[in-house]
Amino acid sequence: MQAVAKNIKVIISGGGTGGHIFPAIAIADAIRAKLPQADILFVGAKGKMEMERVPKAGYPIKGLWISGFQRSLDARNLLFPLKLLSSLIAAFGILRSFRPDVVIGVGGYASGPLLEMAVRLKIPALIQEQNSCAGATNRILARKVQKICVAYPDMDRYFPAGKLRVTGNPVRKAVYAHPVPREEARAFFGLDPQKPTLLVFGGSLGALSLNEAMAESPEVLSPRPDIQVIWQCGQSYHARFRESPGALLPQVRLLPFLERMDMAYAAADVVACRAGALTISELCMLGKAAILVPSPFVAEDHQTKNAEALVVRGAAKMVKNESTGKTLLPVAIELLTDTELRHSLERNIRALAKPDAAEAIADEAIALCNVGK
């Protein structure tokens, strides 16, 4: 890599969900670790969680008035052209004022307008595609940016092969940097240190199909007191499910939110969850046997494609969202009791881990700072 000035300026744009925000922060941390004097600015969408999470991570952020285009008939779409125009103008102002050496797009509402203006201003740009199915915005931007960092192989189906670098997805170091002993993690949740343990979660907001499966779990779990469950239902679902039959089982721990994901992962033998890109990357890093339940409510069904990319490699099981109630817990019990099968999934998913993803993306971004100089 060519030498670059220590005081480079970087804009990282995107957000909307933790799946975009946490990798973005990991990339910023990696750049700062390599170049401590780097000036890093985030650009997100006003009202979205990045406006709170990024400052907590120690980085400044500016917000654009932008939101997604609804794929069904929705009155909110009437404002979309105005929001897009407003965001393009605001992005132009931010770029002209901050004068970055490179711009990084991680996906999310703000990423499109910011990167579009950056390439028009001939500022070197990089996009990071986290899913196995490229999003529409990144497909449009791909022919304009200099580098595309992806998490999965065979992404030349969507992007110019010459621009691709398979880096993997950055993972929060808090999840894996300081491993917790399994017995300690189970004691943290008040569980038996010796019993096989299932972790069920649907992301920070929860997932209705997973919650309903757990709510009706006594028929399956009551005959199996040897199995215990950590069930994260999401804050908005907690009042609805805290008195459900499944929540009252003695071997179940129902929580609205998991403050310590490192503890939850460490306690679990098997994880049942959605198939978001960040979650999958965490499972790979930790080598966890997983049952993936793709959300059917995401753009272009990309979670199903994420899950299928693991299933074909023998690295995870998949249960369709509509089958969760009947299928999830029987599959989980099979994995908890079949040690050979579980260990096979653990080996295969660990082989897909990219522990240096953030550093690799940071290297690509720093190298682009020389473009046009």
Protein backbone atom coordinates (compact mmCIF):
# COMPACT_ATOMS: atom_id res chain seq x y z
CA MET A 1 0.00 0.00 0.00
CA GLN A 2 1.31 3.43 -0.89
CA ALA A 3 2.12 5.89 1.87
CA VAL A 4 -0.59 8.40 2.66
CA ALA A 5 -0.74 11.50 4.80
CA LYS A 6 -1.56 10.84 8.44
CA ASN A 7 -4.30 13.46 8.54
CA ILE A 8 -6.58 11.97 5.87
CA LYS A 9 -10.26 12.89 5.93
CA VAL A 10 -12.87 10.13 5.65
CA ILE A 11 -16.66 10.20 5.42
CA ILE A 12 -18.57 7.02 6.28
CA SER A 13 -22.19 7.09 5.22
CA GLY A 14 -25.15 4.83 5.93
CA GLY A 15 -27.06 3.28 8.80
CA GLY A 16 -30.70 2.72 9.66
CA THR A 17 -30.10 -0.58 11.48
CA GLY A 18 -27.43 -2.08 13.69
CA GLY A 19 -26.49 -4.27 10.73
CA HIS A 20 -25.17 -1.17 8.97
CA ILE A 21 -24.07 0.92 11.95
CA PHE A 22 -21.87 -1.51 13.86
CA PRO A 23 -19.80 -2.53 10.81
CA ALA A 24 -19.40 1.17 9.94
CA ILE A 25 -18.08 1.93 13.42
CA ALA A 26 -15.75 -1.08 13.20
CA ILE A 27 -14.32 0.29 9.92
CA ALA A 28 -13.85 3.73 11.49
CA ASP A 29 -12.07 2.16 14.46
CA ALA A 30 -9.78 0.23 12.10
CA ILE A 31 -8.88 3.39 10.16
CA ARG A 32 -8.23 5.27 13.39
CA ALA A 33 -6.03 2.40 14.65
CA LYS A 34 -3.91 2.60 11.48
CA LEU A 35 -3.92 6.39 11.23
CA PRO A 36 -4.62 7.96 14.65
CA GLN A 37 -4.79 11.47 13.16
CA ALA A 38 -7.45 10.56 10.59
CA ASP A 39 -10.44 12.93 10.61
CA ILE A 40 -13.59 10.79 10.35
CA LEU A 41 -17.13 12.09 9.84
CA PHE A 42 -20.29 9.99 9.66
CA VAL A 43 -23.35 10.92 7.60
CA GLY A 44 -26.64 9.23 8.46
CA ALA A 45 -30.38 9.67 8.18
CA LYS A 46 -32.13 12.05 10.58
CA GLY A 47 -34.22 10.23 13.15
CA LYS A 48 -32.48 6.88 12.65
CA MET A 49 -30.50 5.02 15.28
CA GLU A 50 -27.10 6.02 13.87
CA MET A 51 -27.73 9.58 15.07
CA GLU A 52 -27.50 8.23 18.65
CA ARG A 53 -25.17 5.24 18.30
CA VAL A 54 -22.35 6.91 16.35
CA PRO A 55 -21.74 9.78 18.82
CA LYS A 56 -21.69 7.19 21.64
CA ALA A 57 -18.87 5.47 19.74
CA GLY A 58 -16.94 8.74 19.73
CA TYR A 59 -17.49 10.02 16.18
CA PRO A 60 -19.29 13.13 14.87
CA ILE A 61 -22.28 12.65 12.57
CA LYS A 62 -24.42 14.82 10.31
CA GLY A 63 -27.95 13.85 9.29
CA LEU A 64 -29.74 13.91 5.95
CA TRP A 65 -33.52 14.19 5.55
CA ILE A 66 -33.96 10.87 3.75
CA SER A 67 -35.94 7.66 4.10
CA GLY A 68 -36.58 4.57 2.01
CA PHE A 69 -39.01 4.28 -0.87
CA GLN A 70 -41.96 2.13 0.18
CA ARG A 71 -42.53 -0.80 -2.18
CA SER A 72 -46.30 -0.73 -1.66
CA LEU A 73 -48.75 2.11 -2.23
CA ASP A 74 -47.99 4.51 0.59
CA ALA A 75 -48.60 8.23 1.04
CA ARG A 76 -45.06 8.58 2.39
CA ASN A 77 -43.75 8.00 -1.14
CA LEU A 78 -45.10 11.42 -2.13
CA LEU A 79 -42.35 13.02 -0.04
CA PHE A 80 -39.58 10.80 -1.40
CA PRO A 81 -38.57 13.02 -4.38
CA LEU A 82 -38.40 16.08 -2.12
CA LYS A 83 -36.37 14.19 0.50
CA LEU A 84 -34.00 12.87 -2.18
CA LEU A 85 -33.42 16.33 -3.64
CA SER A 86 -32.94 17.81 -0.16
CA SER A 87 -30.45 15.07 0.72
CA LEU A 88 -28.46 15.50 -2.48
CA ILE A 89 -28.14 19.23 -1.83
CA ALA A 90 -27.19 18.65 1.82
CA ALA A 91 -24.68 15.96 0.81
CA PHE A 92 -23.08 18.38 -1.66
CA GLY A 93 -22.70 20.94 1.12
CA ILE A 94 -21.16 18.42 3.51
CA LEU A 95 -18.68 17.22 0.90
CA ARG A 96 -17.65 20.72 -0.14
CA SER A 97 -17.20 21.76 3.48
CA PHE A 98 -15.44 18.68 4.85
CA ARG A 99 -13.44 17.86 1.67
CA PRO A 100 -12.86 14.15 2.33
CA ASP A 101 -10.06 12.17 0.71
CA VAL A 102 -12.32 9.11 0.48
CA VAL A 103 -15.99 8.27 1.06
CA ILE A 104 -17.22 4.88 2.31
CA GLY A 105 -20.83 3.74 1.89
CA VAL A 106 -22.07 0.93 4.14
CA GLY A 107 -25.71 0.80 3.04
CA GLY A 108 -28.77 2.45 4.49
CA TYR A 109 -30.83 5.46 3.48
CA ALA A 110 -28.11 8.12 3.64
CA SER A 111 -25.53 6.12 1.71
CA GLY A 112 -27.07 6.66 -1.72
CA PRO A 113 -27.27 10.48 -1.85
CA LEU A 114 -23.88 10.96 -0.21
CA LEU A 115 -22.02 8.59 -2.53
CA GLU A 116 -23.85 9.87 -5.60
CA MET A 117 -22.64 13.39 -4.90
CA ALA A 118 -19.16 12.15 -4.01
CA VAL A 119 -18.64 10.43 -7.36
CA ARG A 120 -20.01 13.51 -9.17
CA LEU A 121 -17.36 15.55 -7.35
CA LYS A 122 -14.73 12.94 -8.34
CA ILE A 123 -14.00 12.00 -4.73
CA PRO A 124 -12.70 8.41 -4.44
CA ALA A 125 -15.43 6.14 -3.12
CA LEU A 126 -15.82 2.63 -1.77
CA ILE A 127 -18.98 0.68 -1.00
CA GLN A 128 -19.32 -2.22 1.39
CA GLU A 129 -22.03 -4.73 0.46
CA GLN A 130 -22.91 -6.87 3.47
CA ASN A 131 -25.40 -9.29 1.93
CA SER A 132 -25.14 -12.12 -0.56
CA CYS A 133 -27.73 -10.33 -2.73
CA ALA A 134 -26.67 -6.81 -3.67
CA GLY A 135 -29.07 -3.98 -2.90
CA ALA A 136 -30.45 -1.78 -5.65
CA THR A 137 -28.58 1.35 -4.52
CA ASN A 138 -25.23 -0.42 -4.44
CA ARG A 139 -25.84 -1.92 -7.88
CA ILE A 140 -26.37 1.57 -9.28
CA LEU A 141 -23.33 2.98 -7.50
CA ALA A 142 -21.08 0.04 -8.40
CA ARG A 143 -20.21 1.31 -11.85
CA LYS A 144 -19.22 4.71 -10.44
CA VAL A 145 -17.11 3.86 -7.37
CA GLN A 146 -13.50 2.68 -7.34
CA LYS A 147 -13.73 -0.30 -4.97
CA ILE A 148 -16.41 -2.71 -3.71
CA CYS A 149 -15.83 -4.75 -0.56
CA VAL A 150 -18.13 -7.78 -0.21
CA ALA A 151 -18.79 -10.50 2.34
CA TYR A 152 -19.56 -13.38 -0.01
CA PRO A 153 -17.84 -14.93 -3.04
CA ASP A 154 -19.41 -14.89 -6.52
CA MET A 155 -20.59 -11.29 -6.18
CA ASP A 156 -19.47 -10.61 -9.74
CA ARG A 157 -23.07 -11.53 -10.53
CA TYR A 158 -23.90 -7.99 -9.40
CA PHE A 159 -20.68 -6.00 -9.55
CA PRO A 160 -17.70 -5.47 -11.91
CA ALA A 161 -15.23 -8.23 -11.04
CA GLY A 162 -12.22 -5.92 -11.26
CA LYS A 163 -13.49 -3.73 -8.41
CA LEU A 164 -14.29 -6.55 -5.98
CA ARG A 165 -12.47 -7.50 -2.79
CA VAL A 166 -13.89 -10.29 -0.59
CA THR A 167 -13.25 -8.89 2.87
CA GLY A 168 -16.13 -10.26 4.93
CA ASN A 169 -18.27 -8.14 7.23
CA PRO A 170 -16.73 -6.27 10.18
CA VAL A 171 -17.87 -7.57 13.56
CA ARG A 172 -18.03 -5.73 16.88
CA LYS A 173 -14.97 -6.69 18.89
CA ALA A 174 -17.09 -6.57 22.05
CA VAL A 175 -18.76 -9.78 20.85
CA TYR A 176 -15.62 -11.87 20.45
CA ALA A 177 -12.51 -10.08 21.71
CA HIS A 178 -12.77 -11.31 25.32
CA PRO A 179 -14.30 -14.83 25.37
CA VAL A 180 -16.44 -15.63 28.40
CA PRO A 181 -16.36 -19.17 29.90
CA ARG A 182 -19.59 -21.03 29.18
CA GLU A 183 -20.30 -21.76 32.85
CA GLU A 184 -19.86 -18.09 33.76
CA ALA A 185 -22.16 -17.00 30.95
CA ARG A 186 -24.89 -19.41 31.98
CA ALA A 187 -24.61 -18.30 35.61
CA PHE A 188 -25.05 -14.70 34.37
CA PHE A 189 -28.55 -15.69 33.14
CA GLY A 190 -29.32 -17.87 36.17
CA LEU A 191 -29.10 -21.09 34.18
CA ASP A 192 -27.72 -24.52 34.95
CA PRO A 193 -24.05 -24.54 33.87
CA GLN A 194 -24.29 -28.12 32.56
CA LYS A 195 -27.54 -28.17 30.56
CA PRO A 196 -27.63 -27.73 26.75
CA THR A 197 -28.71 -24.17 25.99
CA LEU A 198 -30.60 -22.58 23.10
CA LEU A 199 -30.42 -18.84 22.37
CA VAL A 200 -33.43 -17.42 20.48
CA PHE A 201 -33.37 -13.81 19.32
CA GLY A 202 -34.75 -11.73 16.47
CA GLY A 203 -32.40 -8.78 16.50
CA SER A 204 -32.72 -5.77 18.76
CA LEU A 205 -36.38 -5.25 17.80
CA GLY A 206 -37.42 -8.90 18.11
CA ALA A 207 -39.12 -11.14 15.55
CA LEU A 208 -42.80 -12.07 15.79
CA SER A 209 -42.53 -15.59 14.33
CA LEU A 210 -39.71 -16.54 16.71
CA ASN A 211 -41.62 -15.08 19.65
CA GLU A 212 -44.79 -16.96 18.75
CA ALA A 213 -42.84 -20.22 18.45
CA MET A 214 -41.42 -19.71 21.93
CA ALA A 215 -44.76 -18.61 23.38
CA GLU A 216 -46.30 -21.93 22.36
CA SER A 217 -43.23 -23.99 23.28
CA PRO A 218 -44.48 -25.93 26.36
CA GLU A 219 -45.74 -28.81 24.23
CA VAL A 220 -42.18 -29.34 22.97
CA LEU A 221 -40.09 -28.10 25.89
CA SER A 222 -42.06 -29.35 28.92
CA PRO A 223 -41.00 -32.97 28.28
CA ARG A 224 -37.38 -31.76 27.99
CA PRO A 225 -36.37 -30.23 31.33
CA ASP A 226 -32.78 -31.06 30.38
CA ILE A 227 -32.86 -28.21 27.80
CA GLN A 228 -32.82 -24.51 28.70
CA VAL A 229 -33.48 -21.38 26.63
CA ILE A 230 -32.45 -17.73 26.58
CA TRP A 231 -35.25 -15.93 24.72
CA GLN A 232 -34.81 -12.31 23.71
CA CYS A 233 -38.20 -11.08 22.49
CA GLY A 234 -37.55 -7.37 21.80
CA GLN A 235 -38.67 -4.44 23.92
CA SER A 236 -41.88 -3.81 21.98
CA TYR A 237 -42.98 -7.45 22.34
CA HIS A 238 -42.14 -7.93 26.01
CA ALA A 239 -45.52 -6.96 27.49
CA ARG A 240 -47.27 -9.22 24.99
CA PHE A 241 -45.21 -12.36 25.67
CA ARG A 242 -43.99 -12.09 29.27
CA GLU A 243 -47.01 -14.04 30.59
CA SER A 244 -47.17 -16.49 27.69
CA PRO A 245 -47.02 -20.23 28.43
CA GLY A 246 -43.50 -20.45 27.03
CA ALA A 247 -42.22 -17.59 29.17
CA LEU A 248 -43.46 -19.30 32.35
CA LEU A 249 -41.47 -22.49 31.79
CA PRO A 250 -38.81 -22.91 34.51
CA GLN A 251 -36.03 -23.55 31.96
CA VAL A 252 -36.77 -20.38 29.91
CA ARG A 253 -35.28 -16.94 30.54
CA LEU A 254 -37.30 -14.25 28.73
CA LEU A 255 -35.55 -10.89 28.21
CA PRO A 256 -36.73 -7.80 26.32
CA PHE A 257 -33.18 -6.94 25.21
CA LEU A 258 -29.73 -8.49 25.50
CA GLU A 259 -27.30 -5.92 26.85
CA ARG A 260 -24.53 -8.52 26.89
CA MET A 261 -24.58 -10.35 23.57
CA ASP A 262 -21.15 -11.76 24.39
CA MET A 263 -22.65 -13.51 27.42
CA ALA A 264 -25.64 -14.78 25.44
CA TYR A 265 -23.48 -16.23 22.66
CA ALA A 266 -21.09 -17.79 25.16
CA ALA A 267 -23.94 -19.47 27.04
CA ALA A 268 -25.49 -20.99 23.90
CA ASP A 269 -24.82 -24.33 22.24
CA VAL A 270 -27.27 -23.49 19.44
CA VAL A 271 -28.54 -20.13 18.20
CA ALA A 272 -31.89 -19.54 16.46
CA CYS A 273 -32.13 -16.12 14.83
CA ARG A 274 -32.77 -14.01 11.75
CA ALA A 275 -30.31 -14.09 8.84
CA GLY A 276 -29.07 -10.52 8.80
CA ALA A 277 -25.54 -10.00 7.51
CA LEU A 278 -24.11 -8.76 10.83
CA THR A 279 -25.64 -11.62 12.80
CA ILE A 280 -24.26 -14.18 10.36
CA SER A 281 -20.80 -12.63 10.56
CA GLU A 282 -20.92 -12.84 14.36
CA LEU A 283 -21.98 -16.49 14.19
CA CYS A 284 -19.07 -17.21 11.84
CA MET A 285 -16.57 -15.49 14.12
CA LEU A 286 -17.83 -17.44 17.14
CA GLY A 287 -18.33 -20.76 15.36
CA LYS A 288 -21.91 -21.21 16.56
CA ALA A 289 -24.31 -23.87 15.32
CA ALA A 290 -27.22 -21.86 13.99
CA ILE A 291 -30.80 -22.16 12.80
CA LEU A 292 -31.49 -19.21 10.50
CA VAL A 293 -35.05 -17.94 10.07
CA PRO A 294 -34.88 -15.36 7.25
CA SER A 295 -37.16 -12.38 7.56
CA PRO A 296 -39.59 -12.18 4.63
CA PHE A 297 -40.00 -8.44 5.18
CA VAL A 298 -36.65 -7.22 3.83
CA ALA A 299 -35.78 -5.85 0.40
CA GLU A 300 -35.27 -8.46 -2.32
CA ASP A 301 -35.54 -11.28 0.23
CA HIS A 302 -31.82 -10.92 0.89
CA GLN A 303 -31.94 -12.73 4.24
CA THR A 304 -33.04 -15.94 2.52
CA LYS A 305 -30.11 -15.63 0.14
CA ASN A 306 -27.77 -14.98 3.09
CA ALA A 307 -29.02 -18.13 4.80
CA GLU A 308 -28.83 -20.25 1.65
CA ALA A 309 -25.19 -19.24 1.19
CA LEU A 310 -24.45 -20.97 4.51
CA VAL A 311 -26.80 -23.92 4.08
CA VAL A 312 -25.16 -25.04 0.82
CA ARG A 313 -21.82 -25.09 2.65
CA GLY A 314 -23.16 -27.20 5.49
CA ALA A 315 -22.64 -24.26 7.84
CA ALA A 316 -26.19 -23.68 9.16
CA LYS A 317 -29.76 -24.95 9.17
CA MET A 318 -32.60 -22.86 7.76
CA VAL A 319 -36.26 -22.74 8.77
CA LYS A 320 -38.73 -20.73 6.72
CA ASN A 321 -40.55 -17.96 8.55
CA GLU A 322 -43.99 -19.48 7.94
CA SER A 323 -42.83 -22.83 9.36
CA THR A 324 -41.25 -21.45 12.52
CA GLY A 325 -44.02 -22.48 14.91
CA LYS A 326 -43.95 -26.14 13.90
CA THR A 327 -40.31 -26.60 12.94
CA LEU A 328 -37.98 -24.34 14.92
CA LEU A 329 -37.89 -26.10 18.28
CA PRO A 330 -37.75 -29.67 16.91
CA VAL A 331 -34.76 -28.68 14.75
CA ALA A 332 -33.17 -26.96 17.76
CA ILE A 333 -33.60 -30.05 19.94
CA GLU A 334 -32.08 -32.19 17.18
CA LEU A 335 -28.98 -29.99 17.15
CA LEU A 336 -28.74 -29.81 20.93
CA THR A 337 -28.83 -33.61 21.22
CA ASP A 338 -26.85 -34.60 18.09
CA THR A 339 -23.29 -33.65 19.05
CA GLU A 340 -21.75 -34.82 15.78
CA LEU A 341 -24.12 -32.76 13.64
CA ARG A 342 -23.71 -29.70 15.84
CA HIS A 343 -19.94 -29.88 15.74
CA SER A 344 -20.02 -30.24 11.94
CA LEU A 345 -22.04 -27.01 11.67
CA GLU A 346 -19.65 -25.29 14.07
CA ARG A 347 -16.57 -26.28 12.05
CA ASN A 348 -18.12 -25.26 8.74
CA ILE A 349 -19.43 -21.89 9.87
CA ARG A 350 -16.16 -21.02 11.60
CA ALA A 351 -14.33 -21.68 8.33
CA LEU A 352 -16.30 -18.78 6.78
CA ALA A 353 -15.13 -16.22 9.36
CA LYS A 354 -13.18 -13.16 8.23
CA PRO A 355 -11.58 -11.87 11.44
CA ASP A 356 -9.68 -9.07 9.72
CA ALA A 357 -12.61 -7.68 7.71
CA ALA A 358 -12.54 -4.17 9.21
CA GLU A 359 -8.79 -3.90 8.75
CA ALA A 360 -9.01 -5.09 5.13
CA ILE A 361 -11.71 -2.51 4.31
CA ALA A 362 -9.70 0.19 6.07
CA ASP A 363 -6.66 -0.68 3.93
CA GLU A 364 -8.72 -0.38 0.75
CA ALA A 365 -10.12 2.98 1.82
CA ILE A 366 -6.72 4.37 2.83
CA ALA A 367 -5.22 3.25 -0.49
CA LEU A 368 -7.96 5.16 -2.34
CA CYS A 369 -6.84 8.40 -0.69
CA ASN A 370 -4.07 8.56 -3.30
CA VAL A 371 -6.51 8.35 -6.22
CA GLY A 372 -6.48 11.56 -8.23
CA LYS A 373 -3.58 13.07 -6.26
